[in-house]
Amino acid sequence: ECGKNFFARTGIAARDRGDLRVGGQAEVGFLNDVRGLIKGDLLVRREIMNCRLVVGGSVLGDAAAVIGGELSVGSALKVARLGTDSGTRTVISIGGAPLLAIQIKQHRRQREMLEARLEHARGQYDTLRAGGAGLNDEEKERLAALKGEIHAAEGEIADIESKIREAEITIERLAKGGDSEILVSKMILPQVQMRIAGKDALFEKELTSPARI
């Protein structure tokens, strides 16, 4: 975990057991079997192999290859080669604000926790309230505290739902267009799948000329 910029001159071989989380830009020689989130740009010299990465900015590597795995990029992807000689599926998602998609998942998990807490508080509140005039002072204080807890939870849930709606609207707008692009200078191999503006394209044949998408 790195709050700002991250540098790995040689690279990272994680054997699918390592997570990389970078708050700024990352510059590496290679990434093999890495899971991770990079909020800024990713600069790579050699390869990204069998990784599952979300990059908020661009992936830049004039001589680099993306080989297998899944790569989600917020802006541009500029590399030399996409895909594997063996035909292993390589999935590239471009645009669509991947960091916002992650935030939506986090917001939904938080909402589920709040809803469970709210349901529990409402149950306790209804049980105590059923006692009516027979409540003692301690129970009355607890009833008032539960009422405040319910009100606070309802406000937090409403706030989270508003954030989710705003993020979904932004993602929908970005999916319809934008400045995202893919530049591949040498080749795109079979079984490369691209997800662009909500649609999938699968390369069934090798493309050896430079491509701009």
C-alpha atoms as a PDB file:
ATOM      1  CA  GLU A   1       0.000   0.000   0.000  1.00  0.00           C
ATOM      2  CA  CYS A   2       1.412   3.331  -1.069  1.00  0.00           C
ATOM      3  CA  GLY A   3      -0.371   6.627  -0.502  1.00  0.00           C
ATOM      4  CA  LYS A   4       1.505   8.543  -3.198  1.00  0.00           C
ATOM      5  CA  ASN A   5       3.731   7.450  -6.107  1.00  0.00           C
ATOM      6  CA  PHE A   6       5.211   3.958  -6.315  1.00  0.00           C
ATOM      7  CA  PHE A   7       8.358   2.782  -8.125  1.00  0.00           C
ATOM      8  CA  ALA A   8       9.602  -0.777  -8.746  1.00  0.00           C
ATOM      9  CA  ARG A   9      12.635  -0.655 -11.061  1.00  0.00           C
ATOM     10  CA  THR A  10      12.647  -4.373 -11.809  1.00  0.00           C
ATOM     11  CA  GLY A  11       9.045  -5.356 -11.136  1.00  0.00           C
ATOM     12  CA  ILE A  12       6.686  -7.443  -9.000  1.00  0.00           C
ATOM     13  CA  ALA A  13       6.078 -11.194  -9.220  1.00  0.00           C
ATOM     14  CA  ALA A  14       3.180 -11.810  -6.833  1.00  0.00           C
ATOM     15  CA  ARG A  15       2.220 -15.392  -7.757  1.00  0.00           C
ATOM     16  CA  ASP A  16      -1.422 -14.287  -7.508  1.00  0.00           C
ATOM     17  CA  ARG A  17      -1.033 -13.744  -3.754  1.00  0.00           C
ATOM     18  CA  GLY A  18      -0.018 -10.087  -3.753  1.00  0.00           C
ATOM     19  CA  ASP A  19      -2.111  -6.904  -3.767  1.00  0.00           C
ATOM     20  CA  LEU A  20      -0.797  -3.538  -4.912  1.00  0.00           C
ATOM     21  CA  ARG A  21      -2.690  -0.375  -3.927  1.00  0.00           C
ATOM     22  CA  VAL A  22      -1.287   2.969  -5.009  1.00  0.00           C
ATOM     23  CA  GLY A  23      -2.802   6.382  -4.314  1.00  0.00           C
ATOM     24  CA  GLY A  24      -0.791   8.132  -7.041  1.00  0.00           C
ATOM     25  CA  GLN A  25       1.193   7.035 -10.079  1.00  0.00           C
ATOM     26  CA  ALA A  26       3.040   3.712 -10.421  1.00  0.00           C
ATOM     27  CA  GLU A  27       6.145   3.028 -12.510  1.00  0.00           C
ATOM     28  CA  VAL A  28       7.319  -0.583 -12.842  1.00  0.00           C
ATOM     29  CA  GLY A  29       9.439  -2.874 -14.975  1.00  0.00           C
ATOM     30  CA  PHE A  30       6.837  -5.649 -14.995  1.00  0.00           C
ATOM     31  CA  LEU A  31       3.811  -6.965 -13.082  1.00  0.00           C
ATOM     32  CA  ASN A  32       3.173 -10.711 -12.934  1.00  0.00           C
ATOM     33  CA  ASP A  33       0.103 -12.228 -11.226  1.00  0.00           C
ATOM     34  CA  VAL A  34      -0.677  -9.028  -9.323  1.00  0.00           C
ATOM     35  CA  ARG A  35      -4.081  -7.883  -8.093  1.00  0.00           C
ATOM     36  CA  GLY A  36      -4.390  -4.186  -7.475  1.00  0.00           C
ATOM     37  CA  LEU A  37      -5.729  -0.681  -7.705  1.00  0.00           C
ATOM     38  CA  ILE A  38      -3.698   2.266  -9.015  1.00  0.00           C
ATOM     39  CA  LYS A  39      -5.495   5.605  -8.827  1.00  0.00           C
ATOM     40  CA  GLY A  40      -3.153   7.477 -11.169  1.00  0.00           C
ATOM     41  CA  ASP A  41      -1.251   6.378 -14.286  1.00  0.00           C
ATOM     42  CA  LEU A  42       0.644   3.096 -14.606  1.00  0.00           C
ATOM     43  CA  LEU A  43       3.948   3.277 -16.511  1.00  0.00           C
ATOM     44  CA  VAL A  44       5.334  -0.144 -17.418  1.00  0.00           C
ATOM     45  CA  ARG A  45       8.471  -1.016 -19.391  1.00  0.00           C
ATOM     46  CA  ARG A  46       8.073  -4.732 -20.116  1.00  0.00           C
ATOM     47  CA  GLU A  47       4.816  -6.542 -19.379  1.00  0.00           C
ATOM     48  CA  ILE A  48       1.619  -6.905 -17.381  1.00  0.00           C
ATOM     49  CA  MET A  49       1.060 -10.657 -17.200  1.00  0.00           C
ATOM     50  CA  ASN A  50      -1.981 -12.466 -15.737  1.00  0.00           C
ATOM     51  CA  CYS A  51      -2.914  -9.511 -13.549  1.00  0.00           C
ATOM     52  CA  ARG A  52      -6.248  -8.188 -12.325  1.00  0.00           C
ATOM     53  CA  LEU A  53      -5.754  -4.438 -12.189  1.00  0.00           C
ATOM     54  CA  VAL A  54      -7.878  -1.310 -12.009  1.00  0.00           C
ATOM     55  CA  VAL A  55      -6.059   1.832 -13.159  1.00  0.00           C
ATOM     56  CA  GLY A  56      -7.825   5.158 -12.698  1.00  0.00           C
ATOM     57  CA  GLY A  57      -5.611   6.987 -15.188  1.00  0.00           C
ATOM     58  CA  SER A  58      -3.734   5.638 -18.227  1.00  0.00           C
ATOM     59  CA  VAL A  59      -1.540   2.585 -18.815  1.00  0.00           C
ATOM     60  CA  LEU A  60       1.557   3.678 -20.739  1.00  0.00           C
ATOM     61  CA  GLY A  61       4.254   1.381 -22.103  1.00  0.00           C
ATOM     62  CA  ASP A  62       5.605   1.928 -25.625  1.00  0.00           C
ATOM     63  CA  ALA A  63       7.440  -1.430 -25.564  1.00  0.00           C
ATOM     64  CA  ALA A  64       5.174  -3.252 -23.105  1.00  0.00           C
ATOM     65  CA  ALA A  65       2.757  -6.144 -23.505  1.00  0.00           C
ATOM     66  CA  VAL A  66      -0.485  -6.989 -21.706  1.00  0.00           C
ATOM     67  CA  ILE A  67      -0.601 -10.776 -21.503  1.00  0.00           C
ATOM     68  CA  GLY A  68      -3.669 -12.524 -20.057  1.00  0.00           C
ATOM     69  CA  GLY A  69      -5.651 -11.353 -17.049  1.00  0.00           C
ATOM     70  CA  GLU A  70      -8.042  -8.423 -16.708  1.00  0.00           C
ATOM     71  CA  LEU A  71      -7.101  -4.766 -16.991  1.00  0.00           C
ATOM     72  CA  SER A  72      -9.567  -1.927 -16.395  1.00  0.00           C
ATOM     73  CA  VAL A  73      -8.324   1.509 -17.463  1.00  0.00           C
ATOM     74  CA  GLY A  74      -9.976   4.866 -16.865  1.00  0.00           C
ATOM     75  CA  SER A  75      -8.325   6.816 -19.665  1.00  0.00           C
ATOM     76  CA  ALA A  76      -5.853   5.572 -22.316  1.00  0.00           C
ATOM     77  CA  LEU A  77      -4.011   2.307 -22.947  1.00  0.00           C
ATOM     78  CA  LYS A  78      -0.816   2.674 -24.995  1.00  0.00           C
ATOM     79  CA  VAL A  79       1.251  -0.514 -25.371  1.00  0.00           C
ATOM     80  CA  ALA A  80       3.070  -2.556 -28.006  1.00  0.00           C
ATOM     81  CA  ARG A  81       1.172  -5.818 -27.726  1.00  0.00           C
ATOM     82  CA  LEU A  82      -2.066  -7.295 -26.405  1.00  0.00           C
ATOM     83  CA  GLY A  83      -2.752 -10.983 -25.823  1.00  0.00           C
ATOM     84  CA  THR A  84      -0.943 -14.316 -25.594  1.00  0.00           C
ATOM     85  CA  ASP A  85       0.507 -16.739 -28.150  1.00  0.00           C
ATOM     86  CA  SER A  86      -1.366 -19.563 -26.401  1.00  0.00           C
ATOM     87  CA  GLY A  87      -4.753 -17.890 -26.889  1.00  0.00           C
ATOM     88  CA  THR A  88      -5.466 -17.264 -23.204  1.00  0.00           C
ATOM     89  CA  ARG A  89      -8.237 -14.689 -22.828  1.00  0.00           C
ATOM     90  CA  THR A  90      -7.023 -11.135 -22.158  1.00  0.00           C
ATOM     91  CA  VAL A  91      -9.766  -8.707 -21.071  1.00  0.00           C
ATOM     92  CA  ILE A  92      -9.343  -4.954 -21.490  1.00  0.00           C
ATOM     93  CA  SER A  93     -11.990  -2.542 -20.143  1.00  0.00           C
ATOM     94  CA  ILE A  94     -11.523   1.067 -21.179  1.00  0.00           C
ATOM     95  CA  GLY A  95     -13.274   4.148 -19.809  1.00  0.00           C
ATOM     96  CA  GLY A  96     -16.400   4.032 -17.675  1.00  0.00           C
ATOM     97  CA  ALA A  97     -14.699   5.385 -14.510  1.00  0.00           C
ATOM     98  CA  PRO A  98     -13.469   2.144 -12.871  1.00  0.00           C
ATOM     99  CA  LEU A  99     -12.694   3.907  -9.597  1.00  0.00           C
ATOM    100  CA  LEU A 100     -16.302   5.071  -9.360  1.00  0.00           C
ATOM    101  CA  ALA A 101     -17.475   1.488  -9.894  1.00  0.00           C
ATOM    102  CA  ILE A 102     -15.357   0.424  -6.923  1.00  0.00           C
ATOM    103  CA  GLN A 103     -16.776   3.264  -4.839  1.00  0.00           C
ATOM    104  CA  ILE A 104     -20.312   2.130  -5.679  1.00  0.00           C
ATOM    105  CA  LYS A 105     -19.540  -1.384  -4.409  1.00  0.00           C
ATOM    106  CA  GLN A 106     -18.114   0.064  -1.195  1.00  0.00           C
ATOM    107  CA  HIS A 107     -21.147   2.319  -0.743  1.00  0.00           C
ATOM    108  CA  ARG A 108     -23.501  -0.634  -1.243  1.00  0.00           C
ATOM    109  CA  ARG A 109     -21.679  -2.719   1.363  1.00  0.00           C
ATOM    110  CA  GLN A 110     -21.845   0.214   3.781  1.00  0.00           C
ATOM    111  CA  ARG A 111     -25.559   0.637   3.070  1.00  0.00           C
ATOM    112  CA  GLU A 112     -26.200  -3.051   3.814  1.00  0.00           C
ATOM    113  CA  MET A 113     -24.463  -2.710   7.185  1.00  0.00           C
ATOM    114  CA  LEU A 114     -26.463   0.415   8.035  1.00  0.00           C
ATOM    115  CA  GLU A 115     -29.743  -1.223   6.998  1.00  0.00           C
ATOM    116  CA  ALA A 116     -29.021  -4.177   9.287  1.00  0.00           C
ATOM    117  CA  ARG A 117     -28.248  -1.796  12.159  1.00  0.00           C
ATOM    118  CA  LEU A 118     -31.392   0.194  11.404  1.00  0.00           C
ATOM    119  CA  GLU A 119     -33.596  -2.902  11.384  1.00  0.00           C
ATOM    120  CA  HIS A 120     -32.165  -3.999  14.742  1.00  0.00           C
ATOM    121  CA  ALA A 121     -32.698  -0.542  16.287  1.00  0.00           C
ATOM    122  CA  ARG A 122     -36.274  -0.364  14.988  1.00  0.00           C
ATOM    123  CA  GLY A 123     -37.024  -3.764  16.502  1.00  0.00           C
ATOM    124  CA  GLN A 124     -35.739  -2.667  19.895  1.00  0.00           C
ATOM    125  CA  TYR A 125     -37.603   0.644  19.610  1.00  0.00           C
ATOM    126  CA  ASP A 126     -40.921  -1.035  18.781  1.00  0.00           C
ATOM    127  CA  THR A 127     -40.505  -3.513  21.637  1.00  0.00           C
ATOM    128  CA  LEU A 128     -39.845  -0.778  24.194  1.00  0.00           C
ATOM    129  CA  ARG A 129     -42.559   1.485  22.824  1.00  0.00           C
ATOM    130  CA  ALA A 130     -45.089  -1.305  23.288  1.00  0.00           C
ATOM    131  CA  GLY A 131     -44.568  -0.878  27.033  1.00  0.00           C
ATOM    132  CA  GLY A 132     -46.315   2.507  26.867  1.00  0.00           C
ATOM    133  CA  ALA A 133     -46.755   4.336  30.155  1.00  0.00           C
ATOM    134  CA  GLY A 134     -45.248   1.465  32.120  1.00  0.00           C
ATOM    135  CA  LEU A 135     -41.654   2.295  31.087  1.00  0.00           C
ATOM    136  CA  ASN A 136     -39.185   3.264  33.808  1.00  0.00           C
ATOM    137  CA  ASP A 137     -36.761   6.184  33.455  1.00  0.00           C
ATOM    138  CA  GLU A 138     -33.943   4.008  32.130  1.00  0.00           C
ATOM    139  CA  GLU A 139     -36.193   2.485  29.483  1.00  0.00           C
ATOM    140  CA  LYS A 140     -37.455   5.931  28.487  1.00  0.00           C
ATOM    141  CA  GLU A 141     -33.855   7.131  28.024  1.00  0.00           C
ATOM    142  CA  ARG A 142     -33.108   4.042  25.952  1.00  0.00           C
ATOM    143  CA  LEU A 143     -36.216   4.709  23.833  1.00  0.00           C
ATOM    144  CA  ALA A 144     -35.047   8.266  23.135  1.00  0.00           C
ATOM    145  CA  ALA A 145     -31.533   7.040  22.295  1.00  0.00           C
ATOM    146  CA  LEU A 146     -32.919   4.455  19.870  1.00  0.00           C
ATOM    147  CA  LYS A 147     -35.057   7.130  18.196  1.00  0.00           C
ATOM    148  CA  GLY A 148     -31.928   9.232  17.641  1.00  0.00           C
ATOM    149  CA  GLU A 149     -30.005   6.211  16.356  1.00  0.00           C
ATOM    150  CA  ILE A 150     -32.794   5.396  13.890  1.00  0.00           C
ATOM    151  CA  HIS A 151     -32.926   8.991  12.643  1.00  0.00           C
ATOM    152  CA  ALA A 152     -29.118   9.090  12.184  1.00  0.00           C
ATOM    153  CA  ALA A 153     -29.035   5.748  10.321  1.00  0.00           C
ATOM    154  CA  GLU A 154     -31.859   6.837   7.997  1.00  0.00           C
ATOM    155  CA  GLY A 155     -29.924  10.024   7.197  1.00  0.00           C
ATOM    156  CA  GLU A 156     -26.708   8.100   6.483  1.00  0.00           C
ATOM    157  CA  ILE A 157     -28.548   5.664   4.208  1.00  0.00           C
ATOM    158  CA  ALA A 158     -30.142   8.537   2.283  1.00  0.00           C
ATOM    159  CA  ASP A 159     -26.727  10.167   1.880  1.00  0.00           C
ATOM    160  CA  ILE A 160     -25.162   6.931   0.610  1.00  0.00           C
ATOM    161  CA  GLU A 161     -28.012   6.374  -1.858  1.00  0.00           C
ATOM    162  CA  SER A 162     -27.477   9.904  -3.187  1.00  0.00           C
ATOM    163  CA  LYS A 163     -23.762   9.197  -3.691  1.00  0.00           C
ATOM    164  CA  ILE A 164     -24.556   5.935  -5.489  1.00  0.00           C
ATOM    165  CA  ARG A 165     -26.994   7.702  -7.843  1.00  0.00           C
ATOM    166  CA  GLU A 166     -24.474  10.439  -8.630  1.00  0.00           C
ATOM    167  CA  ALA A 167     -21.741   7.884  -9.374  1.00  0.00           C
ATOM    168  CA  GLU A 168     -24.061   5.799 -11.574  1.00  0.00           C
ATOM    169  CA  ILE A 169     -25.083   8.883 -13.569  1.00  0.00           C
ATOM    170  CA  THR A 170     -21.415   9.799 -14.090  1.00  0.00           C
ATOM    171  CA  ILE A 171     -20.527   6.263 -15.203  1.00  0.00           C
ATOM    172  CA  GLU A 172     -23.466   6.208 -17.626  1.00  0.00           C
ATOM    173  CA  ARG A 173     -22.412   9.550 -19.100  1.00  0.00           C
ATOM    174  CA  LEU A 174     -18.786   8.456 -19.514  1.00  0.00           C
ATOM    175  CA  ALA A 175     -19.849   5.142 -21.069  1.00  0.00           C
ATOM    176  CA  LYS A 176     -21.519   7.019 -23.928  1.00  0.00           C
ATOM    177  CA  GLY A 177     -18.303   8.605 -25.044  1.00  0.00           C
ATOM    178  CA  GLY A 178     -15.215  10.452 -23.878  1.00  0.00           C
ATOM    179  CA  ASP A 179     -11.509  10.699 -24.481  1.00  0.00           C
ATOM    180  CA  SER A 180     -10.577   7.071 -23.789  1.00  0.00           C
ATOM    181  CA  GLU A 181      -8.479   5.315 -26.423  1.00  0.00           C
ATOM    182  CA  ILE A 182      -6.406   2.204 -27.036  1.00  0.00           C
ATOM    183  CA  LEU A 183      -3.159   2.443 -29.025  1.00  0.00           C
ATOM    184  CA  VAL A 184      -1.329  -0.788 -29.878  1.00  0.00           C
ATOM    185  CA  SER A 185       1.867  -0.329 -31.888  1.00  0.00           C
ATOM    186  CA  LYS A 186       2.703  -3.936 -32.890  1.00  0.00           C
ATOM    187  CA  MET A 187       0.032  -6.624 -32.554  1.00  0.00           C
ATOM    188  CA  ILE A 188      -3.252  -7.746 -31.062  1.00  0.00           C
ATOM    189  CA  LEU A 189      -3.475 -11.520 -30.691  1.00  0.00           C
ATOM    190  CA  PRO A 190      -6.588 -13.750 -30.778  1.00  0.00           C
ATOM    191  CA  GLN A 191      -8.779 -13.986 -27.657  1.00  0.00           C
ATOM    192  CA  VAL A 192      -8.254 -10.363 -26.689  1.00  0.00           C
ATOM    193  CA  GLN A 193     -11.592  -9.044 -25.448  1.00  0.00           C
ATOM    194  CA  MET A 194     -12.245  -5.307 -25.241  1.00  0.00           C
ATOM    195  CA  ARG A 195     -15.064  -3.665 -23.317  1.00  0.00           C
ATOM    196  CA  ILE A 196     -15.699  -0.162 -24.602  1.00  0.00           C
ATOM    197  CA  ALA A 197     -18.740   2.061 -23.975  1.00  0.00           C
ATOM    198  CA  GLY A 198     -20.727  -0.868 -22.594  1.00  0.00           C
ATOM    199  CA  LYS A 199     -20.033  -3.177 -25.547  1.00  0.00           C
ATOM    200  CA  ASP A 200     -17.671  -6.140 -25.979  1.00  0.00           C
ATOM    201  CA  ALA A 201     -15.432  -6.882 -28.948  1.00  0.00           C
ATOM    202  CA  LEU A 202     -13.490 -10.143 -29.271  1.00  0.00           C
ATOM    203  CA  PHE A 203     -10.480 -10.475 -31.590  1.00  0.00           C
ATOM    204  CA  GLU A 204     -10.605 -13.842 -33.349  1.00  0.00           C
ATOM    205  CA  LYS A 205      -7.655 -13.230 -35.680  1.00  0.00           C
ATOM    206  CA  GLU A 206      -4.201 -11.766 -35.193  1.00  0.00           C
ATOM    207  CA  LEU A 207      -3.787  -8.088 -36.071  1.00  0.00           C
ATOM    208  CA  THR A 208      -0.144  -7.224 -36.766  1.00  0.00           C
ATOM    209  CA  SER A 209      -0.457  -3.617 -37.897  1.00  0.00           C
ATOM    210  CA  PRO A 210      -0.651  -0.645 -35.494  1.00  0.00           C
ATOM    211  CA  ALA A 211      -4.166  -0.074 -34.178  1.00  0.00           C
ATOM    212  CA  ARG A 212      -5.933   2.903 -32.664  1.00  0.00           C
ATOM    213  CA  ILE A 213      -9.349   2.357 -31.093  1.00  0.00           C
END
